[in-house]
């Protein structure tokens, strides 16, 4: 009850995104013709980063990497090294800026490359850049802080401000740096007057370490974003209980049912606002195979609310026949469901999907959480777009947003070592699952399903959470109308707490869900593997917890110890203390 009354009731659609930076940015931006900076959609860029000394400029390079995939090159053979890049970001000390190198930059401009030059040191060298048509960022000195801030300015993690400067050349006769806005998450764990970061860290550390000591999970990552600033991110424990590989913030996790809101739901949001689908129309209007079933008249809105009367789940793997699964790839078995485990071709199409369509339906209107719901919505989306869902989310969301690891079947794109292992499967695949979806049905569907299959880092989820806090805008680009975000994330059911696809704060305060100090604006989702994301417009907060609590076998200790909710409450406790 304290959490409810302390914060009060807010309508989600009244709460607009609020970027608030506690960083004083000394970076001066010149020559930002056509507002090139901050960069917009990131999928159109192939970025090379050029520095004379990789070690010296490591903070700059690392900060850039938080936003985009970049290729590091040196000054030697500059022209050849950047040949296949359409964006070239150069960072150097003022004494390294020579007339010869400036000519190479001009040539790169003539080769239609977008150049961004970050100079650290004496400003008089800027006179060499009179004829350069590209954005120039300047700091009076080189430090870890100025490097990180310059990098964040390039991508909109930090705004540049108007600053009166000494005139060094005809290019800068106005002597005024150009202003930009923050458009992306800010990565800099600096002192924050509103939040006691030391206290926050100690509270989260204690709970996370308890989880590991009690073997609720071998490892975890916690990330907290407030007002567009990362105020906490940390990896705990190890990939497994053998303690060989530490868990880091860059590890990729199986998100389980978080896939429902970070994979399928944004697709449905986009198609709804485009008028491609209508949630008030029945399944039978979109799926031919459903027209002859008991599902033909069920509205899509009921499906999204888990009120369609579907069975919670079907254990498809228990119905496998001898010969359906084999250890080696063949022309008849090319659906890889784990290492050394292949399923009969078209098993989803020929067996699983028909079984779902013909499964029992109970009266519509009662809330029954069901994985079948999102299988159905994926089918609706793919039939309407003629695009596989994994391709649709990459092209329309993850790529442009800079969600670098988010996607399905990560072993096709990333090394095994980057991905956190889940269960030692003893009943179906009989192998350690690492980079193959834990959920059996999703695996049998080829790793791509509406309810599960998505993998990502905490950072990717943070971007998605901030996009929603921003009412559909991120990186200076609009992905959803604000009213679409409000519609899907607000309470839409008369019989449950649910939004459309999204889970929400439970008004029965006895349930303390998702945590006892959360409030009516909170929405998000949890995942079976030990994951969650909760977005809080009232506090401009994104909270992410990722773990592999199902390793080596499924355990309920994470739930019994209430780890995810207690960490969320610890965040609220520190934030609320800062308000006093």
Protein backbone atom coordinates (compact mmCIF):
# COMPACT_ATOMS: atom_id res chain seq x y z
CA UNK A 1 0.00 0.00 0.00
CA UNK A 2 2.85 2.42 0.74
CA UNK A 3 4.09 2.23 -2.85
CA UNK A 4 0.65 3.06 -4.20
CA UNK A 5 -0.09 6.07 -2.04
CA UNK A 6 3.44 7.43 -1.96
CA UNK A 7 3.50 7.80 -5.72
CA UNK A 8 -0.18 8.30 -6.36
CA UNK A 9 -2.18 7.28 -9.38
CA UNK A 10 -1.04 8.47 -12.80
CA UNK A 11 -2.53 7.88 -16.20
CA UNK A 12 0.28 6.53 -18.35
CA UNK A 13 -0.55 8.75 -21.32
CA UNK A 14 0.05 11.90 -19.24
CA UNK A 15 3.67 10.96 -18.55
CA UNK A 16 6.10 12.11 -21.21
CA UNK A 17 9.72 11.05 -21.51
CA UNK A 18 12.18 13.19 -19.59
CA UNK A 19 15.86 13.05 -20.46
CA UNK A 20 17.81 14.57 -17.58
CA UNK A 21 21.57 14.59 -17.75
CA UNK A 22 23.81 15.10 -14.73
CA UNK A 23 26.85 15.47 -17.02
CA UNK A 24 28.40 18.80 -17.97
CA UNK A 25 29.37 18.34 -21.60
CA UNK A 26 32.47 20.31 -22.56
CA UNK A 27 32.38 18.99 -26.13
CA UNK A 28 31.87 21.78 -28.65
CA UNK A 29 30.18 20.83 -31.92
CA UNK A 30 30.96 22.77 -35.09
CA UNK A 31 29.95 22.42 -38.71
CA UNK A 32 26.92 20.21 -38.12
CA UNK A 33 25.53 20.88 -41.57
CA UNK A 34 22.07 19.39 -42.22
CA UNK A 35 21.98 18.23 -38.57
CA UNK A 36 24.04 15.14 -39.34
CA UNK A 37 24.59 14.63 -35.61
CA UNK A 38 23.29 12.96 -33.63
CA UNK A 39 22.98 9.98 -35.96
CA UNK A 40 19.50 8.65 -36.65
CA UNK A 41 18.55 5.11 -37.66
CA UNK A 42 21.66 3.00 -37.30
CA UNK A 43 20.99 0.20 -39.77
CA UNK A 44 22.03 2.42 -42.69
CA UNK A 45 25.57 2.94 -41.41
CA UNK A 46 28.73 0.91 -41.87
CA UNK A 47 31.01 2.69 -39.41
CA UNK A 48 34.80 2.77 -39.30
CA UNK A 49 36.52 4.36 -36.31
CA UNK A 50 40.00 5.68 -36.97
CA UNK A 51 42.47 6.66 -34.23
CA UNK A 52 46.27 6.99 -34.22
CA UNK A 53 46.55 5.02 -30.98
CA UNK A 54 43.94 2.37 -30.16
CA UNK A 55 44.94 2.13 -26.50
CA UNK A 56 44.94 5.87 -25.94
CA UNK A 57 41.46 6.24 -27.44
CA UNK A 58 39.98 3.10 -25.92
CA UNK A 59 37.37 5.00 -23.83
CA UNK A 60 36.15 6.74 -26.99
CA UNK A 61 35.95 3.49 -28.93
CA UNK A 62 34.22 1.59 -26.13
CA UNK A 63 31.60 4.29 -25.75
CA UNK A 64 30.88 4.29 -29.48
CA UNK A 65 30.44 0.52 -29.31
CA UNK A 66 27.60 0.93 -26.80
CA UNK A 67 25.57 2.51 -29.58
CA UNK A 68 26.58 0.80 -32.81
CA UNK A 69 28.69 -1.89 -34.40
CA UNK A 70 31.96 -0.25 -35.40
CA UNK A 71 35.13 -1.37 -37.16
CA UNK A 72 38.38 -0.07 -35.66
CA UNK A 73 41.17 1.01 -38.04
CA UNK A 74 44.44 2.90 -37.75
CA UNK A 75 45.92 5.80 -39.72
CA UNK A 76 48.09 3.56 -41.90
CA UNK A 77 46.52 2.96 -45.32
CA UNK A 78 43.56 5.08 -44.21
CA UNK A 79 42.01 5.27 -47.67
CA UNK A 80 41.99 1.49 -48.12
CA UNK A 81 40.83 0.70 -44.60
CA UNK A 82 37.72 2.88 -44.86
CA UNK A 83 36.87 1.95 -48.44
CA UNK A 84 33.81 -0.11 -47.51
CA UNK A 85 32.53 2.22 -44.79
CA UNK A 86 30.00 4.96 -45.43
CA UNK A 87 30.66 6.62 -42.06
CA UNK A 88 34.17 7.36 -40.76
CA UNK A 89 34.62 8.63 -37.20
CA UNK A 90 38.12 9.99 -36.55
CA UNK A 91 39.49 10.82 -33.10
CA UNK A 92 42.92 12.39 -32.57
CA UNK A 93 44.95 14.79 -30.49
CA UNK A 94 45.40 18.26 -31.93
CA UNK A 95 49.11 17.66 -32.58
CA UNK A 96 48.22 14.67 -34.79
CA UNK A 97 46.09 16.78 -37.12
CA UNK A 98 48.22 17.48 -40.19
CA UNK A 99 47.56 19.14 -43.54
CA UNK A 100 48.22 15.82 -45.24
CA UNK A 101 45.61 13.96 -43.17
CA UNK A 102 43.06 16.73 -43.66
CA UNK A 103 43.48 16.22 -47.42
CA UNK A 104 42.73 12.52 -46.94
CA UNK A 105 39.55 13.46 -45.07
CA UNK A 106 38.51 15.75 -47.92
CA UNK A 107 39.07 12.91 -50.35
CA UNK A 108 36.89 10.68 -48.20
CA UNK A 109 34.18 13.34 -48.38
CA UNK A 110 34.48 13.33 -52.18
CA UNK A 111 34.10 9.55 -52.00
CA UNK A 112 30.65 10.16 -50.44
CA UNK A 113 31.68 9.14 -46.96
CA UNK A 114 30.18 10.84 -43.95
CA UNK A 115 33.09 12.05 -41.82
CA UNK A 116 32.92 12.92 -38.12
CA UNK A 117 36.10 14.40 -36.63
CA UNK A 118 36.75 14.54 -32.87
CA UNK A 119 39.74 16.73 -31.93
CA UNK A 120 41.23 16.87 -28.44
CA UNK A 121 43.67 19.65 -27.51
CA UNK A 122 44.61 23.11 -28.74
CA UNK A 123 41.95 24.86 -30.77
CA UNK A 124 44.29 26.69 -33.14
CA UNK A 125 44.60 23.54 -35.30
CA UNK A 126 40.95 24.00 -36.28
CA UNK A 127 42.23 26.53 -38.83
CA UNK A 128 43.29 23.50 -40.91
CA UNK A 129 39.66 22.48 -41.28
CA UNK A 130 38.25 25.49 -43.10
CA UNK A 131 37.25 23.51 -46.17
CA UNK A 132 35.99 20.41 -44.40
CA UNK A 133 32.23 19.93 -44.77
CA UNK A 134 31.85 17.45 -41.93
CA UNK A 135 30.88 17.75 -38.25
CA UNK A 136 33.76 18.58 -35.91
CA UNK A 137 33.74 17.91 -32.18
CA UNK A 138 36.36 19.67 -30.08
CA UNK A 139 37.51 19.30 -26.47
CA UNK A 140 40.30 21.37 -24.94
CA UNK A 141 41.94 18.31 -23.41
CA UNK A 142 42.06 14.54 -23.71
CA UNK A 143 40.71 12.46 -20.83
CA UNK A 144 38.53 9.40 -20.37
CA UNK A 145 35.62 11.71 -19.59
CA UNK A 146 36.00 13.97 -22.64
CA UNK A 147 36.39 10.94 -24.90
CA UNK A 148 33.21 9.32 -23.59
CA UNK A 149 31.27 12.56 -23.81
CA UNK A 150 32.36 13.20 -27.39
CA UNK A 151 31.30 9.67 -28.34
CA UNK A 152 27.91 10.11 -26.67
CA UNK A 153 27.43 13.44 -28.42
CA UNK A 154 27.85 11.74 -31.80
CA UNK A 155 25.01 9.31 -31.10
CA UNK A 156 22.75 11.58 -29.06
CA UNK A 157 23.48 10.04 -25.67
CA UNK A 158 24.53 13.51 -24.56
CA UNK A 159 23.38 16.86 -25.89
CA UNK A 160 25.77 19.49 -27.19
CA UNK A 161 25.09 23.03 -26.04
CA UNK A 162 25.65 26.47 -27.54
CA UNK A 163 29.04 27.67 -26.34
CA UNK A 164 30.86 30.86 -27.18
CA UNK A 165 34.39 30.00 -28.23
CA UNK A 166 37.45 31.82 -29.42
CA UNK A 167 37.50 32.20 -33.22
CA UNK A 168 40.20 29.97 -34.66
CA UNK A 169 39.38 30.01 -38.38
CA UNK A 170 37.01 31.37 -40.96
CA UNK A 171 34.92 28.21 -40.66
CA UNK A 172 34.03 29.16 -37.10
CA UNK A 173 33.65 32.94 -37.45
CA UNK A 174 30.51 32.90 -35.33
CA UNK A 175 32.54 31.34 -32.55
CA UNK A 176 29.50 29.42 -31.40
CA UNK A 177 29.20 25.70 -30.92
CA UNK A 178 25.96 24.18 -32.18
CA UNK A 179 23.31 22.70 -29.89
CA UNK A 180 21.82 19.22 -30.20
CA UNK A 181 19.36 17.20 -28.11
CA UNK A 182 19.74 13.95 -26.24
CA UNK A 183 18.01 11.27 -28.29
CA UNK A 184 19.43 8.04 -26.86
CA UNK A 185 20.34 6.42 -23.57
CA UNK A 186 23.31 7.96 -21.80
CA UNK A 187 26.10 5.68 -20.55
CA UNK A 188 28.05 7.32 -17.79
CA UNK A 189 27.85 6.26 -14.17
CA UNK A 190 28.71 9.67 -12.75
CA UNK A 191 27.61 11.16 -9.44
CA UNK A 192 23.86 11.76 -9.49
CA UNK A 193 22.33 14.26 -7.07
CA UNK A 194 18.91 12.58 -7.31
CA UNK A 195 20.06 8.99 -6.68
CA UNK A 196 22.62 7.71 -4.19
CA UNK A 197 24.44 5.39 -6.59
CA UNK A 198 26.70 3.90 -3.91
CA UNK A 199 23.72 2.93 -1.79
CA UNK A 200 21.88 1.59 -4.82
CA UNK A 201 24.86 -0.57 -5.76
CA UNK A 202 25.23 -2.03 -2.29
CA UNK A 203 21.55 -2.95 -2.08
CA UNK A 204 21.48 -4.62 -5.49
CA UNK A 205 24.82 -6.36 -4.87
CA UNK A 206 23.54 -7.93 -1.66
CA UNK A 207 20.39 -9.35 -3.26
CA UNK A 208 22.13 -10.58 -6.42
CA UNK A 209 24.90 -12.21 -4.41
CA UNK A 210 22.31 -13.90 -2.21
CA UNK A 211 20.67 -15.36 -5.32
CA UNK A 212 23.98 -16.82 -6.46
CA UNK A 213 24.99 -18.07 -3.01
CA UNK A 214 21.61 -19.83 -2.66
CA UNK A 215 22.02 -21.31 -6.15
CA UNK A 216 18.90 -19.59 -7.44
CA UNK A 217 20.93 -18.82 -10.57
CA UNK A 218 24.62 -19.14 -11.48
CA UNK A 219 24.74 -15.58 -12.80
CA UNK A 220 22.73 -12.48 -13.62
CA UNK A 221 22.83 -9.00 -15.13
CA UNK A 222 20.99 -6.04 -13.62
CA UNK A 223 20.49 -2.77 -15.46
CA UNK A 224 18.64 0.37 -14.39
CA UNK A 225 17.96 3.42 -16.55
CA UNK A 226 16.42 6.59 -15.09
CA UNK A 227 15.57 9.73 -17.04
CA UNK A 228 17.50 8.35 -19.99
CA UNK A 229 20.68 7.77 -17.96
CA UNK A 230 22.13 4.40 -17.03
CA UNK A 231 22.43 4.61 -13.26
CA UNK A 232 23.34 0.96 -12.71
CA UNK A 233 24.53 -2.01 -14.78
CA UNK A 234 26.48 -4.98 -13.58
CA UNK A 235 27.09 -8.65 -14.25
CA UNK A 236 27.10 -11.13 -11.36
CA UNK A 237 28.36 -14.67 -10.95
CA UNK A 238 29.27 -16.99 -13.79
CA UNK A 239 27.77 -18.64 -16.84
CA UNK A 240 27.56 -21.91 -14.90
CA UNK A 241 28.24 -23.19 -11.40
CA UNK A 242 31.64 -24.43 -12.54
CA UNK A 243 32.67 -20.73 -12.27
CA UNK A 244 34.83 -20.77 -15.38
CA UNK A 245 33.36 -17.82 -17.32
CA UNK A 246 32.20 -14.65 -15.49
CA UNK A 247 28.85 -13.16 -16.49
CA UNK A 248 29.19 -9.68 -18.02
CA UNK A 249 26.84 -6.95 -19.19
CA UNK A 250 27.65 -7.91 -22.77
CA UNK A 251 26.36 -11.49 -22.49
CA UNK A 252 23.32 -12.60 -24.49
CA UNK A 253 20.42 -14.22 -22.62
CA UNK A 254 17.41 -16.32 -23.59
CA UNK A 255 14.58 -13.90 -22.77
CA UNK A 256 11.81 -16.53 -22.72
CA UNK A 257 8.37 -14.85 -22.46
CA UNK A 258 9.85 -11.37 -22.57
CA UNK A 259 9.79 -12.28 -26.29
CA UNK A 260 6.04 -11.66 -26.17
CA UNK A 261 6.47 -7.93 -25.59
CA UNK A 262 9.86 -7.31 -27.21
CA UNK A 263 9.35 -9.50 -30.28
CA UNK A 264 5.74 -10.14 -31.27
CA UNK A 265 3.96 -7.19 -29.65
CA UNK A 266 5.90 -4.38 -31.40
CA UNK A 267 5.08 -6.06 -34.72
CA UNK A 268 1.38 -6.09 -33.83
CA UNK A 269 1.64 -2.46 -32.67
CA UNK A 270 3.10 -1.40 -36.01
CA UNK A 271 0.57 -3.36 -38.06
CA UNK A 272 -2.31 -2.05 -35.95
CA UNK A 273 -1.43 1.60 -36.39
CA UNK A 274 -0.88 1.04 -40.10
CA UNK A 275 -4.34 -0.47 -40.42
CA UNK A 276 -2.91 -3.77 -41.65
CA UNK A 277 -4.71 -5.60 -38.86
CA UNK A 278 -7.69 -4.66 -36.70
CA UNK A 279 -7.70 -6.05 -33.17
CA UNK A 280 -11.50 -5.91 -33.14
CA UNK A 281 -11.72 -8.41 -35.99
CA UNK A 282 -11.72 -12.20 -35.53
CA UNK A 283 -8.94 -14.69 -36.21
CA UNK A 284 -10.92 -16.13 -39.09
CA UNK A 285 -10.62 -12.86 -41.00
CA UNK A 286 -6.85 -13.34 -41.19
CA UNK A 287 -6.14 -17.07 -41.12
CA UNK A 288 -7.77 -19.35 -43.68
CA UNK A 289 -6.96 -22.49 -41.68
CA UNK A 290 -8.78 -21.07 -38.66
CA UNK A 291 -12.06 -20.55 -40.53
CA UNK A 292 -13.13 -24.17 -40.00
CA UNK A 293 -12.11 -24.27 -36.32
CA UNK A 294 -13.50 -23.18 -32.96
CA UNK A 295 -11.23 -20.14 -33.13
CA UNK A 296 -12.62 -18.41 -36.20
CA UNK A 297 -14.81 -15.91 -34.31
CA UNK A 298 -12.39 -15.03 -31.49
CA UNK A 299 -11.27 -11.39 -31.67
CA UNK A 300 -7.56 -10.59 -31.91
CA UNK A 301 -7.93 -8.27 -28.94
CA UNK A 302 -9.02 -11.23 -26.80
CA UNK A 303 -5.96 -13.12 -28.00
CA UNK A 304 -3.63 -10.25 -27.02
CA UNK A 305 -5.27 -10.06 -23.58
CA UNK A 306 -4.97 -13.83 -22.98
CA UNK A 307 -8.77 -13.98 -22.84
CA UNK A 308 -9.34 -16.15 -25.92
CA UNK A 309 -9.99 -19.32 -23.92
CA UNK A 310 -6.89 -21.06 -25.26
CA UNK A 311 -5.17 -23.85 -23.37
CA UNK A 312 -2.11 -22.46 -21.50
CA UNK A 313 0.39 -24.57 -23.45
CA UNK A 314 0.77 -27.82 -25.37
CA UNK A 315 3.81 -30.02 -24.57
CA UNK A 316 4.51 -30.85 -28.21
CA UNK A 317 7.83 -32.57 -27.50
CA UNK A 318 6.09 -35.29 -25.52
CA UNK A 319 4.22 -36.38 -28.65
CA UNK A 320 7.30 -36.96 -30.77
CA UNK A 321 7.48 -40.33 -32.50
CA UNK A 322 10.56 -42.47 -33.13
CA UNK A 323 12.41 -40.98 -36.07
CA UNK A 324 11.05 -37.44 -35.65
CA UNK A 325 14.33 -36.35 -34.01
CA UNK A 326 17.85 -37.44 -34.90
CA UNK A 327 21.39 -36.48 -33.94
CA UNK A 328 22.69 -35.59 -37.39
CA UNK A 329 21.58 -33.17 -40.06
CA UNK A 330 19.96 -34.68 -43.15
CA UNK A 331 17.76 -33.59 -46.04
CA UNK A 332 14.73 -34.86 -44.09
CA UNK A 333 15.79 -33.42 -40.71
CA UNK A 334 17.17 -29.88 -41.03
CA UNK A 335 15.36 -28.07 -38.21
CA UNK A 336 18.14 -27.63 -35.66
CA UNK A 337 16.66 -27.52 -32.16
CA UNK A 338 20.00 -27.77 -30.28
CA UNK A 339 23.57 -28.89 -30.79
CA UNK A 340 23.47 -32.35 -32.42
CA UNK A 341 19.67 -32.44 -32.45
CA UNK A 342 17.56 -32.12 -35.61
CA UNK A 343 13.79 -32.25 -36.03
CA UNK A 344 11.83 -33.60 -38.98
CA UNK A 345 11.27 -30.95 -41.65
CA UNK A 346 8.00 -28.97 -41.51
CA UNK A 347 7.04 -30.47 -38.15
CA UNK A 348 5.66 -27.12 -37.01
CA UNK A 349 3.59 -26.65 -40.17
CA UNK A 350 2.30 -30.22 -40.42
CA UNK A 351 1.87 -31.21 -36.77
CA UNK A 352 2.13 -28.37 -34.26
CA UNK A 353 0.12 -25.63 -35.95
CA UNK A 354 -2.82 -27.90 -36.86
CA UNK A 355 -2.87 -29.20 -33.28
CA UNK A 356 -3.04 -25.63 -31.96
CA UNK A 357 -5.83 -24.71 -34.36
CA UNK A 358 -7.88 -27.70 -33.29
CA UNK A 359 -7.18 -27.47 -29.57
CA UNK A 360 -9.90 -26.94 -26.99
CA UNK A 361 -11.34 -23.46 -26.44
CA UNK A 362 -12.99 -22.44 -23.17
CA UNK A 363 -15.41 -19.50 -22.88
CA UNK A 364 -13.89 -16.23 -24.10
CA UNK A 365 -13.37 -13.42 -21.61
CA UNK A 366 -11.65 -15.08 -18.69
CA UNK A 367 -7.96 -14.39 -18.21
CA UNK A 368 -5.90 -17.54 -18.82
CA UNK A 369 -2.25 -16.89 -19.64
CA UNK A 370 -1.49 -18.88 -22.79
CA UNK A 371 1.52 -19.32 -25.04
CA UNK A 372 -0.87 -20.31 -27.85
CA UNK A 373 -2.00 -16.68 -28.01
CA UNK A 374 1.31 -15.45 -29.35
CA UNK A 375 1.75 -18.38 -31.73
CA UNK A 376 -1.53 -17.14 -33.25
CA UNK A 377 -0.46 -13.48 -33.40
CA UNK A 378 2.81 -14.40 -35.13
CA UNK A 379 0.84 -16.30 -37.76
CA UNK A 380 -1.50 -13.35 -38.27
CA UNK A 381 1.45 -10.95 -38.67
CA UNK A 382 3.32 -13.17 -41.13
CA UNK A 383 0.25 -13.82 -43.26
CA UNK A 384 -0.47 -10.09 -43.46
CA UNK A 385 3.10 -8.95 -44.18
CA UNK A 386 4.47 -11.96 -46.11
CA UNK A 387 7.65 -11.43 -44.06
CA UNK A 388 9.07 -13.87 -41.49
CA UNK A 389 8.80 -12.28 -38.06
CA UNK A 390 12.54 -12.55 -37.35
CA UNK A 391 13.25 -10.50 -40.49
CA UNK A 392 10.47 -8.00 -39.78
CA UNK A 393 11.71 -7.13 -36.27
CA UNK A 394 15.32 -6.85 -37.43
CA UNK A 395 14.54 -4.57 -40.36
CA UNK A 396 11.92 -2.41 -38.67
CA UNK A 397 13.14 -2.22 -35.07
CA UNK A 398 16.32 -3.87 -33.84
CA UNK A 399 18.64 -2.74 -36.65
CA UNK A 400 17.51 0.91 -36.80
CA UNK A 401 17.36 1.21 -32.99
CA UNK A 402 20.87 -0.13 -32.45
CA UNK A 403 19.73 -3.28 -30.63
CA UNK A 404 22.84 -5.09 -31.79
CA UNK A 405 22.29 -8.57 -30.37
CA UNK A 406 18.50 -8.82 -30.17
CA UNK A 407 17.03 -11.51 -32.37
CA UNK A 408 16.21 -15.16 -32.79
CA UNK A 409 18.60 -18.08 -33.28
CA UNK A 410 21.66 -16.18 -32.00
CA UNK A 411 24.07 -19.00 -32.83
CA UNK A 412 23.64 -18.01 -36.46
CA UNK A 413 25.11 -14.57 -35.67
CA UNK A 414 27.23 -14.79 -32.52
CA UNK A 415 29.81 -17.06 -30.98
CA UNK A 416 28.63 -19.65 -28.49
CA UNK A 417 30.81 -18.10 -25.79
CA UNK A 418 28.81 -14.84 -25.83
CA UNK A 419 25.56 -16.62 -25.03
CA UNK A 420 24.53 -17.69 -21.54
CA UNK A 421 23.73 -21.43 -21.32
CA UNK A 422 20.36 -22.50 -19.98
CA UNK A 423 19.16 -26.00 -19.11
CA UNK A 424 20.97 -29.29 -19.34
CA UNK A 425 18.03 -30.80 -21.22
CA UNK A 426 17.59 -34.43 -20.13
CA UNK A 427 14.11 -35.12 -21.51
CA UNK A 428 14.00 -33.85 -25.11
CA UNK A 429 17.25 -32.68 -26.68
CA UNK A 430 19.58 -34.38 -24.18
CA UNK A 431 22.27 -31.72 -24.42
CA UNK A 432 23.25 -28.44 -22.74
CA UNK A 433 21.23 -25.65 -24.36
CA UNK A 434 23.41 -22.69 -25.31
CA UNK A 435 22.10 -20.32 -27.96
CA UNK A 436 19.09 -22.51 -28.72
CA UNK A 437 15.80 -21.48 -27.18
CA UNK A 438 14.92 -23.15 -23.91
CA UNK A 439 11.21 -23.39 -24.67
CA UNK A 440 10.60 -26.73 -26.39
CA UNK A 441 7.75 -25.57 -28.60
CA UNK A 442 9.66 -22.53 -29.82
CA UNK A 443 12.67 -24.74 -30.60
CA UNK A 444 10.45 -27.12 -32.60
CA UNK A 445 9.10 -24.11 -34.49
CA UNK A 446 12.62 -23.41 -35.75
CA UNK A 447 13.63 -21.13 -32.88
CA UNK A 448 11.18 -18.40 -33.87
CA UNK A 449 7.84 -18.30 -32.08
CA UNK A 450 5.45 -15.62 -30.93
CA UNK A 451 5.81 -16.45 -27.25
CA UNK A 452 9.54 -17.28 -26.97
CA UNK A 453 12.80 -17.47 -28.90
CA UNK A 454 14.15 -13.95 -28.52
CA UNK A 455 17.70 -13.48 -27.21
CA UNK A 456 19.34 -10.18 -26.25
CA UNK A 457 21.63 -8.32 -23.89
CA UNK A 458 20.32 -6.12 -21.11
CA UNK A 459 21.39 -3.10 -23.14
CA UNK A 460 19.15 -4.09 -26.04
CA UNK A 461 16.19 -4.36 -23.71
CA UNK A 462 17.06 -0.98 -22.19
CA UNK A 463 16.86 0.61 -25.63
CA UNK A 464 13.45 -0.96 -26.19
CA UNK A 465 12.27 0.16 -22.77
CA UNK A 466 13.41 3.73 -23.40
CA UNK A 467 11.66 3.69 -26.78
CA UNK A 468 8.41 2.94 -24.96
CA UNK A 469 9.07 5.56 -22.27
CA UNK A 470 9.65 8.03 -25.12
CA UNK A 471 6.18 7.19 -26.47
CA UNK A 472 7.54 5.51 -29.58
CA UNK A 473 10.54 7.73 -30.40
CA UNK A 474 14.24 6.95 -30.11
CA UNK A 475 17.42 8.22 -31.74
CA UNK A 476 15.48 11.11 -33.26
CA UNK A 477 13.23 8.71 -35.18
CA UNK A 478 9.61 7.80 -34.57
CA UNK A 479 8.75 4.10 -34.55
CA UNK A 480 5.22 4.24 -33.10
CA UNK A 481 2.58 6.87 -32.59
CA UNK A 482 2.36 7.93 -28.95
CA UNK A 483 -1.27 6.81 -28.80
CA UNK A 484 -0.27 3.33 -29.98
CA UNK A 485 2.17 2.96 -27.09
CA UNK A 486 -0.48 4.22 -24.66
CA UNK A 487 -3.09 1.83 -26.03
CA UNK A 488 -0.96 -1.31 -25.76
CA UNK A 489 0.74 -0.57 -22.44
CA UNK A 490 -2.30 0.67 -20.48
CA UNK A 491 -4.87 -1.56 -18.78
CA UNK A 492 -7.18 -2.89 -21.48
CA UNK A 493 -9.01 -5.71 -19.70
CA UNK A 494 -12.05 -5.81 -17.46
CA UNK A 495 -11.05 -9.16 -15.99
CA UNK A 496 -7.29 -8.81 -15.47
CA UNK A 497 -4.45 -6.32 -15.01
CA UNK A 498 -3.20 -6.87 -18.55
CA UNK A 499 -2.49 -4.50 -21.40
CA UNK A 500 -2.32 -5.66 -25.01
CA UNK A 501 0.56 -8.12 -24.92
CA UNK A 502 2.05 -6.32 -21.91
CA UNK A 503 1.79 -7.42 -18.32
CA UNK A 504 1.12 -4.68 -15.78
CA UNK A 505 1.14 -3.65 -12.14
CA UNK A 506 -1.33 -5.69 -10.09
CA UNK A 507 -3.95 -3.50 -8.37
CA UNK A 508 -4.31 -6.17 -5.67
CA UNK A 509 -1.54 -4.79 -3.49
CA UNK A 510 -1.40 -8.05 -1.50
CA UNK A 511 0.23 -9.65 -4.55
CA UNK A 512 3.06 -7.08 -4.48
CA UNK A 513 3.48 -7.49 -8.23
CA UNK A 514 5.80 -6.81 -9.85
CA UNK A 515 7.12 -5.44 -6.54
CA UNK A 516 5.58 -3.98 -3.40
CA UNK A 517 6.75 -0.43 -4.19
CA UNK A 518 5.77 -0.38 -7.87
CA UNK A 519 2.90 1.81 -9.02
CA UNK A 520 -0.09 1.82 -11.43
CA UNK A 521 1.91 3.10 -14.40
CA UNK A 522 4.28 0.11 -14.45
CA UNK A 523 4.20 -2.34 -17.37
CA UNK A 524 6.53 -5.01 -18.77
CA UNK A 525 6.90 -8.80 -18.60
CA UNK A 526 8.78 -11.66 -16.97
CA UNK A 527 10.39 -14.70 -18.59
CA UNK A 528 10.56 -18.36 -17.51
CA UNK A 529 14.37 -18.48 -17.76
CA UNK A 530 14.60 -15.87 -14.98
CA UNK A 531 14.25 -12.57 -16.82
CA UNK A 532 12.17 -9.42 -16.62
CA UNK A 533 11.83 -5.87 -17.87
CA UNK A 534 9.63 -3.33 -16.08
CA UNK A 535 9.01 0.16 -17.40
CA UNK A 536 7.79 2.87 -15.03
CA UNK A 537 6.62 6.13 -16.65
CA UNK A 538 5.89 7.76 -13.27
CA UNK A 539 9.56 7.48 -12.31
CA UNK A 540 10.98 7.51 -15.86
CA UNK A 541 12.56 4.16 -15.03
CA UNK A 542 13.55 1.00 -16.90
CA UNK A 543 14.54 -2.00 -14.77
CA UNK A 544 16.01 -5.14 -16.33
CA UNK A 545 17.00 -8.41 -14.68
CA UNK A 546 18.44 -11.26 -16.74
CA UNK A 547 19.47 -14.66 -15.43
CA UNK A 548 19.65 -18.34 -16.31
CA UNK A 549 17.86 -19.69 -13.26
CA UNK A 550 16.96 -22.85 -15.25
CA UNK A 551 20.62 -23.96 -15.25
CA UNK A 552 21.53 -26.71 -14.90
CA UNK A 553 17.95 -27.77 -14.17
CA UNK A 554 14.77 -25.80 -13.61
CA UNK A 555 14.67 -24.36 -10.08
CA UNK A 556 12.10 -22.24 -8.27
CA UNK A 557 14.61 -20.62 -5.90
CA UNK A 558 14.66 -17.33 -7.80
CA UNK A 559 10.91 -17.09 -7.26
CA UNK A 560 11.00 -18.38 -3.69
CA UNK A 561 13.63 -15.80 -2.73
CA UNK A 562 11.69 -13.12 -4.65
CA UNK A 563 14.95 -11.86 -6.14
CA UNK A 564 13.60 -9.87 -9.07
CA UNK A 565 10.98 -8.03 -7.02
CA UNK A 566 13.34 -7.30 -4.14
CA UNK A 567 15.87 -5.71 -6.46
CA UNK A 568 13.08 -3.62 -7.97
CA UNK A 569 12.02 -2.52 -4.48
CA UNK A 570 15.63 -1.64 -3.61
CA UNK A 571 15.69 0.66 -6.64
CA UNK A 572 12.48 2.36 -5.50
CA UNK A 573 13.77 2.74 -1.95
CA UNK A 574 16.86 4.63 -3.09
CA UNK A 575 14.93 6.73 -5.62
CA UNK A 576 12.27 7.66 -3.06
CA UNK A 577 14.97 8.66 -0.54
CA UNK A 578 16.37 11.02 -3.16
CA UNK A 579 12.99 12.74 -3.48
CA UNK A 580 12.88 13.71 0.20
